[in-house]
Amino acid sequence: MKRYLILYGSVEGHTRTIAEHVLESVRNLGATGELLDATNALCLVLEEGEYDGVIVCAPVHAGKHPASVIETIRDSLVCLERIPSALVSVSLAAAIDGEEHRAEAQSYVDDLVRETGWSPTRVHLAAGALKYTQYDFFKRLLVKLIADRRGGDTDTSHDWVYTDWSALDRFVAEFDAEVPPRADAKPMGVPETADRLE
């Protein structure tokens, strides 16, 4: 049975929801998985055979992925490069049709790769969400102005979720199909300085 580590960073909570969905997806494929919040992982220490793959879920805010995710990837590069790894980059740019917006979403990934030196096996550009009901007055106003300028939804009476869950499931399935199971897989260990969330 394949084992996956799902590392995530979340600012407003939606990427945590995406990471939980990824966990459910790998379980539906007959694999097992563990969630790990990047803010609780200073450095991943992965033993040989501990996991068959790593899936990183990270949102984009103000044009960048979270510092906690960047630092964990950078500090754990040797471990990450030993096994297949995937990135789910979550942004509102990915929610807008058009080559220009797709290129923008991809540019965030390119910046992450340059900053960390990590080259994920697969990348999925996932559309994020507008959490209007969770913003304070000033942030709600600012996000509404940005959404209006970019042709997004501006009704602040409820939240808008743009994530294509079926596309995310297909991505996980395609990644899983490329990950060979390890015959000598060991029981899952606990990365140093990490609190496990399940």
N, C-alpha and C. Protein backbone atom coordinates (compact mmCIF):
# COMPACT_ATOMS: atom_id res chain seq x y z
N MET A 1 0.84 -1.19 0.00
CA MET A 1 0.00 0.00 0.00
C MET A 1 0.88 1.25 0.00
N LYS A 2 0.61 2.15 -0.93
CA LYS A 2 1.40 3.37 -1.01
C LYS A 2 1.08 4.30 0.16
N ARG A 3 2.09 5.08 0.54
CA ARG A 3 1.93 6.05 1.63
C ARG A 3 2.35 7.43 1.14
N TYR A 4 1.53 8.43 1.47
CA TYR A 4 1.81 9.79 1.03
C TYR A 4 1.87 10.75 2.22
N LEU A 5 2.78 11.71 2.11
CA LEU A 5 2.80 12.84 3.03
C LEU A 5 2.18 14.02 2.29
N ILE A 6 1.19 14.66 2.90
CA ILE A 6 0.55 15.82 2.29
C ILE A 6 0.89 17.03 3.14
N LEU A 7 1.83 17.80 2.66
CA LEU A 7 2.30 19.00 3.34
C LEU A 7 1.51 20.20 2.82
N TYR A 8 1.04 21.05 3.73
CA TYR A 8 0.24 22.18 3.25
C TYR A 8 0.52 23.44 4.07
N GLY A 9 0.26 24.56 3.43
CA GLY A 9 0.23 25.85 4.11
C GLY A 9 -1.13 26.46 3.82
N SER A 10 -1.71 27.14 4.77
CA SER A 10 -3.03 27.73 4.55
C SER A 10 -3.12 29.06 5.26
N VAL A 11 -3.66 30.05 4.57
CA VAL A 11 -3.79 31.40 5.13
C VAL A 11 -5.22 31.65 5.60
N GLU A 12 -6.18 31.32 4.74
CA GLU A 12 -7.59 31.56 5.08
C GLU A 12 -8.38 30.27 5.30
N GLY A 13 -7.69 29.12 5.20
CA GLY A 13 -8.35 27.85 5.49
C GLY A 13 -8.73 27.04 4.26
N HIS A 14 -8.80 27.67 3.08
CA HIS A 14 -9.25 26.91 1.92
C HIS A 14 -8.21 25.88 1.46
N THR A 15 -6.94 26.22 1.55
CA THR A 15 -5.93 25.26 1.13
C THR A 15 -5.89 24.06 2.08
N ARG A 16 -6.19 24.29 3.34
CA ARG A 16 -6.33 23.17 4.28
C ARG A 16 -7.45 22.23 3.79
N THR A 17 -8.57 22.82 3.33
CA THR A 17 -9.67 22.02 2.79
C THR A 17 -9.22 21.24 1.56
N ILE A 18 -8.42 21.88 0.71
CA ILE A 18 -7.89 21.21 -0.48
C ILE A 18 -6.98 20.06 -0.06
N ALA A 19 -6.12 20.28 0.93
CA ALA A 19 -5.23 19.22 1.41
C ALA A 19 -6.03 18.04 1.97
N GLU A 20 -7.10 18.34 2.68
CA GLU A 20 -7.95 17.28 3.21
C GLU A 20 -8.62 16.50 2.07
N HIS A 21 -8.99 17.20 1.01
CA HIS A 21 -9.58 16.54 -0.16
C HIS A 21 -8.54 15.64 -0.83
N VAL A 22 -7.30 16.11 -0.93
CA VAL A 22 -6.23 15.29 -1.50
C VAL A 22 -6.03 14.03 -0.66
N LEU A 23 -6.07 14.17 0.66
CA LEU A 23 -5.95 13.01 1.54
C LEU A 23 -7.07 12.01 1.25
N GLU A 24 -8.29 12.50 1.11
CA GLU A 24 -9.42 11.62 0.80
C GLU A 24 -9.23 10.96 -0.56
N SER A 25 -8.67 11.69 -1.51
CA SER A 25 -8.43 11.15 -2.85
C SER A 25 -7.44 10.00 -2.83
N VAL A 26 -6.34 10.16 -2.09
CA VAL A 26 -5.36 9.08 -2.05
C VAL A 26 -5.93 7.86 -1.34
N ARG A 27 -6.76 8.10 -0.34
CA ARG A 27 -7.41 6.97 0.34
C ARG A 27 -8.38 6.25 -0.58
N ASN A 28 -9.08 6.99 -1.42
CA ASN A 28 -9.99 6.37 -2.39
C ASN A 28 -9.25 5.55 -3.42
N LEU A 29 -7.97 5.86 -3.61
CA LEU A 29 -7.13 5.10 -4.54
C LEU A 29 -6.49 3.89 -3.88
N GLY A 30 -6.79 3.69 -2.60
CA GLY A 30 -6.25 2.53 -1.89
C GLY A 30 -4.93 2.80 -1.20
N ALA A 31 -4.55 4.07 -1.12
CA ALA A 31 -3.31 4.44 -0.45
C ALA A 31 -3.62 5.00 0.94
N THR A 32 -2.58 5.30 1.70
CA THR A 32 -2.75 5.97 2.98
C THR A 32 -2.03 7.31 2.91
N GLY A 33 -2.38 8.20 3.81
CA GLY A 33 -1.75 9.51 3.79
C GLY A 33 -1.80 10.19 5.14
N GLU A 34 -0.95 11.19 5.28
CA GLU A 34 -0.88 12.00 6.49
C GLU A 34 -0.82 13.47 6.13
N LEU A 35 -1.51 14.30 6.89
CA LEU A 35 -1.46 15.74 6.70
C LEU A 35 -0.42 16.34 7.63
N LEU A 36 0.30 17.34 7.13
CA LEU A 36 1.27 18.05 7.96
C LEU A 36 1.23 19.53 7.61
N ASP A 37 0.92 20.37 8.59
CA ASP A 37 0.91 21.81 8.40
C ASP A 37 2.35 22.31 8.35
N ALA A 38 2.70 23.04 7.31
CA ALA A 38 4.07 23.51 7.12
C ALA A 38 4.54 24.40 8.27
N THR A 39 3.61 25.07 8.95
CA THR A 39 4.02 25.91 10.08
C THR A 39 4.55 25.08 11.24
N ASN A 40 4.26 23.77 11.24
CA ASN A 40 4.74 22.88 12.30
C ASN A 40 5.92 22.03 11.86
N ALA A 41 6.45 22.29 10.67
CA ALA A 41 7.52 21.46 10.13
C ALA A 41 8.70 22.34 9.74
N LEU A 42 9.68 22.44 10.60
CA LEU A 42 10.86 23.24 10.27
C LEU A 42 11.70 22.54 9.22
N CYS A 43 11.75 21.22 9.31
CA CYS A 43 12.51 20.44 8.35
C CYS A 43 11.96 19.02 8.35
N LEU A 44 11.71 18.48 7.16
CA LEU A 44 11.24 17.11 7.08
C LEU A 44 12.43 16.15 7.09
N VAL A 45 12.36 15.16 7.94
CA VAL A 45 13.38 14.12 7.97
C VAL A 45 12.67 12.83 7.56
N LEU A 46 12.79 12.48 6.29
CA LEU A 46 12.08 11.33 5.76
C LEU A 46 13.04 10.16 5.62
N GLU A 47 12.75 9.09 6.32
CA GLU A 47 13.58 7.90 6.22
C GLU A 47 13.30 7.19 4.89
N GLU A 48 14.28 6.45 4.41
CA GLU A 48 14.13 5.69 3.18
C GLU A 48 12.93 4.74 3.32
N GLY A 49 11.99 4.81 2.38
CA GLY A 49 10.84 3.94 2.41
C GLY A 49 9.70 4.41 3.29
N GLU A 50 9.87 5.56 3.96
CA GLU A 50 8.84 6.04 4.87
C GLU A 50 7.59 6.45 4.10
N TYR A 51 7.78 7.14 2.97
CA TYR A 51 6.68 7.54 2.11
C TYR A 51 7.01 7.19 0.67
N ASP A 52 5.98 6.99 -0.12
CA ASP A 52 6.16 6.76 -1.55
C ASP A 52 6.10 8.06 -2.34
N GLY A 53 5.50 9.09 -1.76
CA GLY A 53 5.41 10.37 -2.45
C GLY A 53 4.97 11.47 -1.50
N VAL A 54 5.24 12.70 -1.91
CA VAL A 54 4.86 13.88 -1.15
C VAL A 54 4.03 14.79 -2.04
N ILE A 55 2.91 15.30 -1.50
CA ILE A 55 2.08 16.25 -2.23
C ILE A 55 2.03 17.54 -1.40
N VAL A 56 2.49 18.62 -1.98
CA VAL A 56 2.51 19.91 -1.30
C VAL A 56 1.35 20.76 -1.81
N CYS A 57 0.54 21.27 -0.90
CA CYS A 57 -0.58 22.16 -1.25
C CYS A 57 -0.29 23.53 -0.67
N ALA A 58 -0.21 24.55 -1.53
CA ALA A 58 0.18 25.88 -1.05
C ALA A 58 -0.59 26.97 -1.77
N PRO A 59 -1.13 27.94 -1.02
CA PRO A 59 -1.89 29.03 -1.64
C PRO A 59 -0.96 30.18 -2.06
N VAL A 60 -1.48 31.02 -2.92
CA VAL A 60 -0.77 32.23 -3.33
C VAL A 60 -1.51 33.44 -2.77
N HIS A 61 -0.79 34.27 -2.01
CA HIS A 61 -1.35 35.52 -1.50
C HIS A 61 -0.33 36.62 -1.76
N ALA A 62 -0.80 37.72 -2.29
CA ALA A 62 0.09 38.84 -2.64
C ALA A 62 1.23 38.39 -3.54
N GLY A 63 0.92 37.45 -4.42
CA GLY A 63 1.89 37.02 -5.42
C GLY A 63 2.91 36.00 -4.95
N LYS A 64 2.77 35.48 -3.72
CA LYS A 64 3.76 34.53 -3.22
C LYS A 64 3.09 33.39 -2.46
N HIS A 65 3.78 32.25 -2.46
CA HIS A 65 3.37 31.14 -1.61
C HIS A 65 3.83 31.44 -0.18
N PRO A 66 3.22 30.80 0.82
CA PRO A 66 3.57 31.10 2.22
C PRO A 66 5.04 30.85 2.54
N ALA A 67 5.61 31.71 3.37
CA ALA A 67 7.01 31.57 3.78
C ALA A 67 7.25 30.23 4.45
N SER A 68 6.27 29.74 5.22
CA SER A 68 6.45 28.46 5.92
C SER A 68 6.64 27.31 4.93
N VAL A 69 5.91 27.35 3.82
CA VAL A 69 6.04 26.31 2.80
C VAL A 69 7.39 26.43 2.09
N ILE A 70 7.75 27.65 1.73
CA ILE A 70 9.03 27.89 1.04
C ILE A 70 10.19 27.42 1.90
N GLU A 71 10.17 27.78 3.18
CA GLU A 71 11.27 27.41 4.08
C GLU A 71 11.34 25.91 4.30
N THR A 72 10.19 25.26 4.45
CA THR A 72 10.18 23.81 4.66
C THR A 72 10.70 23.09 3.44
N ILE A 73 10.28 23.52 2.25
CA ILE A 73 10.77 22.89 1.02
C ILE A 73 12.28 23.09 0.89
N ARG A 74 12.73 24.32 1.11
CA ARG A 74 14.16 24.62 0.97
C ARG A 74 15.00 23.80 1.95
N ASP A 75 14.54 23.72 3.20
CA ASP A 75 15.29 23.00 4.23
C ASP A 75 15.20 21.49 4.07
N SER A 76 14.20 21.02 3.31
CA SER A 76 13.97 19.57 3.18
C SER A 76 14.26 19.07 1.77
N LEU A 77 14.99 19.86 1.00
CA LEU A 77 15.18 19.57 -0.43
C LEU A 77 15.78 18.19 -0.68
N VAL A 78 16.77 17.82 0.10
CA VAL A 78 17.43 16.53 -0.10
C VAL A 78 16.42 15.39 0.06
N CYS A 79 15.58 15.49 1.09
CA CYS A 79 14.57 14.46 1.32
C CYS A 79 13.52 14.46 0.21
N LEU A 80 13.09 15.64 -0.19
CA LEU A 80 12.04 15.74 -1.20
C LEU A 80 12.48 15.21 -2.55
N GLU A 81 13.77 15.33 -2.86
CA GLU A 81 14.25 14.90 -4.16
C GLU A 81 14.47 13.39 -4.24
N ARG A 82 14.35 12.71 -3.10
CA ARG A 82 14.55 11.26 -3.11
C ARG A 82 13.31 10.50 -3.58
N ILE A 83 12.16 11.15 -3.52
CA ILE A 83 10.90 10.47 -3.86
C ILE A 83 10.05 11.36 -4.77
N PRO A 84 9.08 10.78 -5.48
CA PRO A 84 8.20 11.60 -6.32
C PRO A 84 7.46 12.64 -5.49
N SER A 85 7.29 13.82 -6.05
CA SER A 85 6.61 14.89 -5.32
C SER A 85 5.74 15.70 -6.28
N ALA A 86 4.68 16.25 -5.73
CA ALA A 86 3.75 17.03 -6.55
C ALA A 86 3.41 18.33 -5.82
N LEU A 87 3.05 19.34 -6.60
CA LEU A 87 2.64 20.63 -6.04
C LEU A 87 1.24 20.98 -6.51
N VAL A 88 0.39 21.34 -5.56
CA VAL A 88 -0.92 21.92 -5.86
C VAL A 88 -0.83 23.38 -5.46
N SER A 89 -0.71 24.25 -6.47
CA SER A 89 -0.59 25.69 -6.23
C SER A 89 -1.97 26.31 -6.36
N VAL A 90 -2.43 26.95 -5.27
CA VAL A 90 -3.80 27.45 -5.20
C VAL A 90 -3.81 28.97 -5.37
N SER A 91 -4.49 29.45 -6.39
CA SER A 91 -4.55 30.89 -6.62
C SER A 91 -5.85 31.28 -7.28
N LEU A 92 -6.20 32.55 -7.18
CA LEU A 92 -7.37 33.05 -7.88
C LEU A 92 -7.10 33.24 -9.37
N ALA A 93 -5.82 33.42 -9.72
CA ALA A 93 -5.47 33.54 -11.13
C ALA A 93 -5.88 32.27 -11.88
N ALA A 94 -5.77 31.13 -11.22
CA ALA A 94 -6.13 29.86 -11.85
C ALA A 94 -7.64 29.73 -12.06
N ALA A 95 -8.41 30.61 -11.42
CA ALA A 95 -9.87 30.55 -11.54
C ALA A 95 -10.38 31.33 -12.74
N ILE A 96 -9.52 32.16 -13.34
CA ILE A 96 -9.95 33.03 -14.43
C ILE A 96 -9.51 32.44 -15.76
N ASP A 97 -10.45 32.32 -16.69
CA ASP A 97 -10.14 31.77 -18.00
C ASP A 97 -9.19 32.69 -18.77
N GLY A 98 -8.41 32.09 -19.62
CA GLY A 98 -7.53 32.88 -20.47
C GLY A 98 -6.07 32.54 -20.26
N GLU A 99 -5.32 32.58 -21.34
CA GLU A 99 -3.90 32.22 -21.30
C GLU A 99 -3.09 33.15 -20.40
N GLU A 100 -3.48 34.43 -20.38
CA GLU A 100 -2.76 35.41 -19.56
C GLU A 100 -2.83 35.04 -18.08
N HIS A 101 -4.02 34.64 -17.62
CA HIS A 101 -4.19 34.31 -16.21
C HIS A 101 -3.53 32.97 -15.88
N ARG A 102 -3.58 32.03 -16.81
CA ARG A 102 -2.90 30.75 -16.59
C ARG A 102 -1.39 30.98 -16.47
N ALA A 103 -0.86 31.87 -17.33
CA ALA A 103 0.57 32.19 -17.27
C ALA A 103 0.91 32.84 -15.94
N GLU A 104 -0.01 33.67 -15.43
CA GLU A 104 0.22 34.30 -14.13
C GLU A 104 0.28 33.24 -13.02
N ALA A 105 -0.67 32.30 -13.04
CA ALA A 105 -0.69 31.22 -12.05
C ALA A 105 0.59 30.39 -12.14
N GLN A 106 1.04 30.13 -13.35
CA GLN A 106 2.27 29.35 -13.54
C GLN A 106 3.49 30.13 -13.06
N SER A 107 3.45 31.45 -13.18
CA SER A 107 4.60 32.25 -12.76
C SER A 107 4.85 32.13 -11.26
N TYR A 108 3.78 31.95 -10.48
CA TYR A 108 3.95 31.75 -9.04
C TYR A 108 4.69 30.46 -8.76
N VAL A 109 4.39 29.43 -9.54
CA VAL A 109 5.08 28.15 -9.42
C VAL A 109 6.55 28.31 -9.80
N ASP A 110 6.80 29.02 -10.91
CA ASP A 110 8.17 29.24 -11.36
C ASP A 110 8.99 29.97 -10.29
N ASP A 111 8.37 30.95 -9.63
CA ASP A 111 9.06 31.67 -8.56
C ASP A 111 9.39 30.74 -7.40
N LEU A 112 8.45 29.85 -7.05
CA LEU A 112 8.68 28.90 -5.96
C LEU A 112 9.84 27.97 -6.30
N VAL A 113 9.88 27.49 -7.52
CA VAL A 113 10.96 26.60 -7.96
C VAL A 113 12.30 27.32 -7.88
N ARG A 114 12.32 28.59 -8.32
CA ARG A 114 13.57 29.36 -8.27
C ARG A 114 14.02 29.60 -6.83
N GLU A 115 13.07 29.89 -5.95
CA GLU A 115 13.41 30.19 -4.56
C GLU A 115 13.90 28.97 -3.78
N THR A 116 13.38 27.81 -4.12
CA THR A 116 13.66 26.62 -3.32
C THR A 116 14.61 25.63 -3.98
N GLY A 117 14.69 25.66 -5.31
CA GLY A 117 15.50 24.66 -6.02
C GLY A 117 14.76 23.34 -6.20
N TRP A 118 13.51 23.29 -5.77
CA TRP A 118 12.71 22.06 -5.86
C TRP A 118 12.05 21.95 -7.23
N SER A 119 12.10 20.76 -7.81
CA SER A 119 11.44 20.51 -9.09
C SER A 119 10.41 19.41 -8.89
N PRO A 120 9.16 19.78 -8.60
CA PRO A 120 8.14 18.75 -8.39
C PRO A 120 7.92 17.90 -9.63
N THR A 121 7.57 16.64 -9.41
CA THR A 121 7.30 15.73 -10.51
C THR A 121 6.10 16.19 -11.32
N ARG A 122 5.07 16.67 -10.62
CA ARG A 122 3.85 17.15 -11.27
C ARG A 122 3.37 18.42 -10.59
N VAL A 123 2.68 19.28 -11.34
CA VAL A 123 2.14 20.53 -10.80
C VAL A 123 0.68 20.66 -11.23
N HIS A 124 -0.16 21.04 -10.27
CA HIS A 124 -1.57 21.32 -10.58
C HIS A 124 -1.87 22.76 -10.15
N LEU A 125 -2.42 23.54 -11.08
CA LEU A 125 -2.84 24.91 -10.78
C LEU A 125 -4.31 24.87 -10.37
N ALA A 126 -4.56 25.00 -9.09
CA ALA A 126 -5.92 24.89 -8.56
C ALA A 126 -6.51 26.27 -8.31
N ALA A 127 -7.76 26.43 -8.67
CA ALA A 127 -8.45 27.69 -8.40
C ALA A 127 -8.80 27.76 -6.91
N GLY A 128 -8.66 28.94 -6.34
CA GLY A 128 -8.88 29.11 -4.91
C GLY A 128 -10.30 29.53 -4.58
N ALA A 129 -10.43 30.43 -3.61
CA ALA A 129 -11.75 30.86 -3.14
C ALA A 129 -11.69 32.30 -2.66
N LEU A 130 -12.83 32.95 -2.70
CA LEU A 130 -12.99 34.27 -2.09
C LEU A 130 -13.80 34.08 -0.82
N LYS A 131 -13.19 34.30 0.33
CA LYS A 131 -13.86 34.07 1.60
C LYS A 131 -14.37 35.39 2.18
N TYR A 132 -15.28 36.02 1.45
CA TYR A 132 -15.78 37.33 1.85
C TYR A 132 -16.31 37.36 3.28
N THR A 133 -17.03 36.32 3.67
CA THR A 133 -17.66 36.33 4.99
C THR A 133 -16.65 36.23 6.12
N GLN A 134 -15.41 35.87 5.79
CA GLN A 134 -14.37 35.73 6.82
C GLN A 134 -13.47 36.96 6.91
N TYR A 135 -13.59 37.88 5.96
CA TYR A 135 -12.73 39.05 5.94
C TYR A 135 -13.29 40.15 6.85
N ASP A 136 -12.38 40.96 7.39
CA ASP A 136 -12.86 42.16 8.09
C ASP A 136 -13.29 43.19 7.04
N PHE A 137 -13.83 44.30 7.50
CA PHE A 137 -14.41 45.28 6.58
C PHE A 137 -13.41 45.75 5.52
N PHE A 138 -12.20 46.10 5.95
CA PHE A 138 -11.23 46.67 5.02
C PHE A 138 -10.71 45.64 4.03
N LYS A 139 -10.48 44.42 4.50
CA LYS A 139 -10.01 43.38 3.58
C LYS A 139 -11.11 43.01 2.60
N ARG A 140 -12.36 42.97 3.08
CA ARG A 140 -13.48 42.66 2.18
C ARG A 140 -13.57 43.69 1.07
N LEU A 141 -13.41 44.97 1.44
CA LEU A 141 -13.47 46.05 0.45
C LEU A 141 -12.33 45.93 -0.55
N LEU A 142 -11.13 45.67 -0.05
CA LEU A 142 -9.96 45.55 -0.93
C LEU A 142 -10.11 44.37 -1.89
N VAL A 143 -10.49 43.22 -1.36
CA VAL A 143 -10.63 42.03 -2.21
C VAL A 143 -11.74 42.23 -3.24
N LYS A 144 -12.82 42.90 -2.83
CA LYS A 144 -13.91 43.17 -3.77
C LYS A 144 -13.42 44.05 -4.91
N LEU A 145 -12.62 45.06 -4.60
CA LEU A 145 -12.09 45.95 -5.64
C LEU A 145 -11.19 45.19 -6.61
N ILE A 146 -10.35 44.31 -6.05
CA ILE A 146 -9.46 43.50 -6.90
C ILE A 146 -10.27 42.56 -7.77
N ALA A 147 -11.29 41.91 -7.16
CA ALA A 147 -12.12 40.98 -7.91
C ALA A 147 -12.87 41.70 -9.03
N ASP A 148 -13.36 42.88 -8.74
CA ASP A 148 -14.08 43.66 -9.74
C ASP A 148 -13.17 44.02 -10.91
N ARG A 149 -11.96 44.40 -10.59
CA ARG A 149 -10.99 44.79 -11.63
C ARG A 149 -10.62 43.61 -12.53
N ARG A 150 -10.68 42.39 -11.93
CA ARG A 150 -10.27 41.21 -12.69
C ARG A 150 -11.46 40.41 -13.22
N GLY A 151 -12.64 40.97 -13.07
CA GLY A 151 -13.81 40.29 -13.59
C GLY A 151 -14.32 39.17 -12.70
N GLY A 152 -14.00 39.24 -11.41
CA GLY A 152 -14.42 38.20 -10.47
C GLY A 152 -15.75 38.53 -9.81
N ASP A 153 -16.17 37.68 -8.90
CA ASP A 153 -17.44 37.85 -8.20
C ASP A 153 -17.30 38.89 -7.09
N THR A 154 -18.27 39.79 -7.02
CA THR A 154 -18.19 40.88 -6.05
C THR A 154 -19.33 40.89 -5.04
N ASP A 155 -20.17 39.88 -5.07
CA ASP A 155 -21.23 39.78 -4.07
C ASP A 155 -20.60 39.30 -2.77
N THR A 156 -20.50 40.20 -1.81
CA THR A 156 -19.79 39.88 -0.56
C THR A 156 -20.68 39.22 0.50
N SER A 157 -21.91 38.90 0.14
CA SER A 157 -22.82 38.31 1.12
C SER A 157 -22.53 36.82 1.38
N HIS A 158 -21.72 36.23 0.51
CA HIS A 158 -21.34 34.83 0.73
C HIS A 158 -19.98 34.56 0.11
N ASP A 159 -19.43 33.39 0.39
CA ASP A 159 -18.12 33.02 -0.13
C ASP A 159 -18.26 32.41 -1.54
N TRP A 160 -17.16 32.48 -2.29
CA TRP A 160 -17.12 31.92 -3.63
C TRP A 160 -15.98 30.91 -3.70
N VAL A 161 -16.30 29.66 -3.98
CA VAL A 161 -15.29 28.61 -4.10
C VAL A 161 -15.18 28.21 -5.57
N TYR A 162 -13.98 28.32 -6.12
CA TYR A 162 -13.77 28.07 -7.55
C TYR A 162 -13.05 26.75 -7.83
N THR A 163 -12.63 26.06 -6.81
CA THR A 163 -11.84 24.84 -6.98
C THR A 163 -12.61 23.78 -7.76
N ASP A 164 -11.97 23.21 -8.75
CA ASP A 164 -12.54 22.11 -9.54
C ASP A 164 -12.10 20.81 -8.86
N TRP A 165 -12.98 20.26 -8.03
CA TRP A 165 -12.62 19.08 -7.23
C TRP A 165 -12.38 17.85 -8.10
N SER A 166 -13.12 17.74 -9.20
CA SER A 166 -12.93 16.59 -10.10
C SER A 166 -11.55 16.65 -10.77
N ALA A 167 -11.15 17.86 -11.17
CA ALA A 167 -9.82 18.03 -11.78
C ALA A 167 -8.74 17.70 -10.77
N LEU A 168 -8.96 18.08 -9.51
CA LEU A 168 -7.99 17.77 -8.46
C LEU A 168 -7.88 16.26 -8.25
N ASP A 169 -9.02 15.57 -8.27
CA ASP A 169 -9.02 14.11 -8.14
C ASP A 169 -8.25 13.46 -9.29
N ARG A 170 -8.46 13.97 -10.50
CA ARG A 170 -7.75 13.41 -11.66
C ARG A 170 -6.25 13.63 -11.52
N PHE A 171 -5.87 14.80 -11.05
CA PHE A 171 -4.44 15.10 -10.85
C PHE A 171 -3.82 14.12 -9.86
N VAL A 172 -4.50 13.91 -8.74
CA VAL A 172 -3.98 12.99 -7.72
C VAL A 172 -3.87 11.58 -8.28
N ALA A 173 -4.88 11.16 -9.05
CA ALA A 173 -4.87 9.82 -9.64
C ALA A 173 -3.72 9.67 -10.64
N GLU A 174 -3.47 10.70 -11.44
CA GLU A 174 -2.37 10.66 -12.41
C GLU A 174 -1.02 10.61 -11.71
N PHE A 175 -0.89 11.38 -10.64
CA PHE A 175 0.36 11.35 -9.87
C PHE A 175 0.55 9.97 -9.24
N ASP A 176 -0.51 9.46 -8.63
CA ASP A 176 -0.44 8.15 -7.98
C ASP A 176 -0.04 7.06 -8.98
N ALA A 177 -0.54 7.16 -10.22
CA ALA A 177 -0.23 6.15 -11.24
C ALA A 177 1.26 6.14 -11.60
N GLU A 178 1.93 7.27 -11.38
CA GLU A 178 3.36 7.38 -11.70
C GLU A 178 4.26 7.00 -10.53
N VAL A 179 3.67 6.82 -9.35
CA VAL A 179 4.45 6.54 -8.15
C VAL A 179 4.51 5.04 -7.92
N PRO A 180 5.71 4.45 -8.02
CA PRO A 180 5.81 3.01 -7.78
C PRO A 180 5.72 2.70 -6.29
N PRO A 181 4.98 1.65 -5.93
CA PRO A 181 4.92 1.26 -4.52
C PRO A 181 6.26 0.69 -4.09
N ARG A 182 6.62 0.92 -2.83
CA ARG A 182 7.89 0.39 -2.30
C ARG A 182 7.62 -0.90 -1.55
N ALA A 183 8.27 -1.94 -1.99
CA ALA A 183 8.07 -3.24 -1.35
C ALA A 183 8.58 -3.25 0.08
N ASP A 184 9.57 -2.40 0.34
CA ASP A 184 10.19 -2.41 1.67
C ASP A 184 9.74 -1.22 2.52
N ALA A 185 8.52 -0.70 2.23
CA ALA A 185 8.05 0.48 2.96
C ALA A 185 8.00 0.23 4.45
N LYS A 186 8.52 1.19 5.21
CA LYS A 186 8.51 1.12 6.66
C LYS A 186 7.27 1.80 7.20
N PRO A 187 6.94 1.58 8.47
CA PRO A 187 5.82 2.32 9.07
C PRO A 187 6.10 3.81 9.04
N MET A 188 5.04 4.60 8.95
CA MET A 188 5.20 6.06 8.87
C MET A 188 5.81 6.59 10.15
N GLY A 189 6.85 7.42 10.00
CA GLY A 189 7.48 8.05 11.14
C GLY A 189 6.96 9.46 11.31
N VAL A 190 7.49 10.16 12.26
CA VAL A 190 7.06 11.52 12.54
C VAL A 190 8.20 12.47 12.21
N PRO A 191 8.00 13.41 11.24
CA PRO A 191 9.05 14.40 10.96
C PRO A 191 9.40 15.19 12.21
N GLU A 192 10.64 15.60 12.30
CA GLU A 192 11.10 16.37 13.46
C GLU A 192 10.31 17.67 13.57
N THR A 193 10.04 18.09 14.80
CA THR A 193 9.35 19.34 15.13
C THR A 193 7.99 19.44 14.47
N ALA A 194 7.31 18.31 14.29
CA ALA A 194 6.04 18.34 13.58
C ALA A 194 4.90 17.88 14.46
N ASP A 195 3.79 18.60 14.40
CA ASP A 195 2.54 18.17 15.01
C ASP A 195 1.70 17.58 13.89
N ARG A 196 1.23 16.36 14.06
CA ARG A 196 0.45 15.72 13.01
C ARG A 196 -1.01 16.12 13.10
N LEU A 197 -1.58 16.37 11.94
CA LEU A 197 -3.00 16.70 11.87
C LEU A 197 -3.67 15.67 10.97
N GLU A 198 -4.77 15.14 11.39
CA GLU A 198 -5.44 14.12 10.60
C GLU A 198 -6.93 14.41 10.58
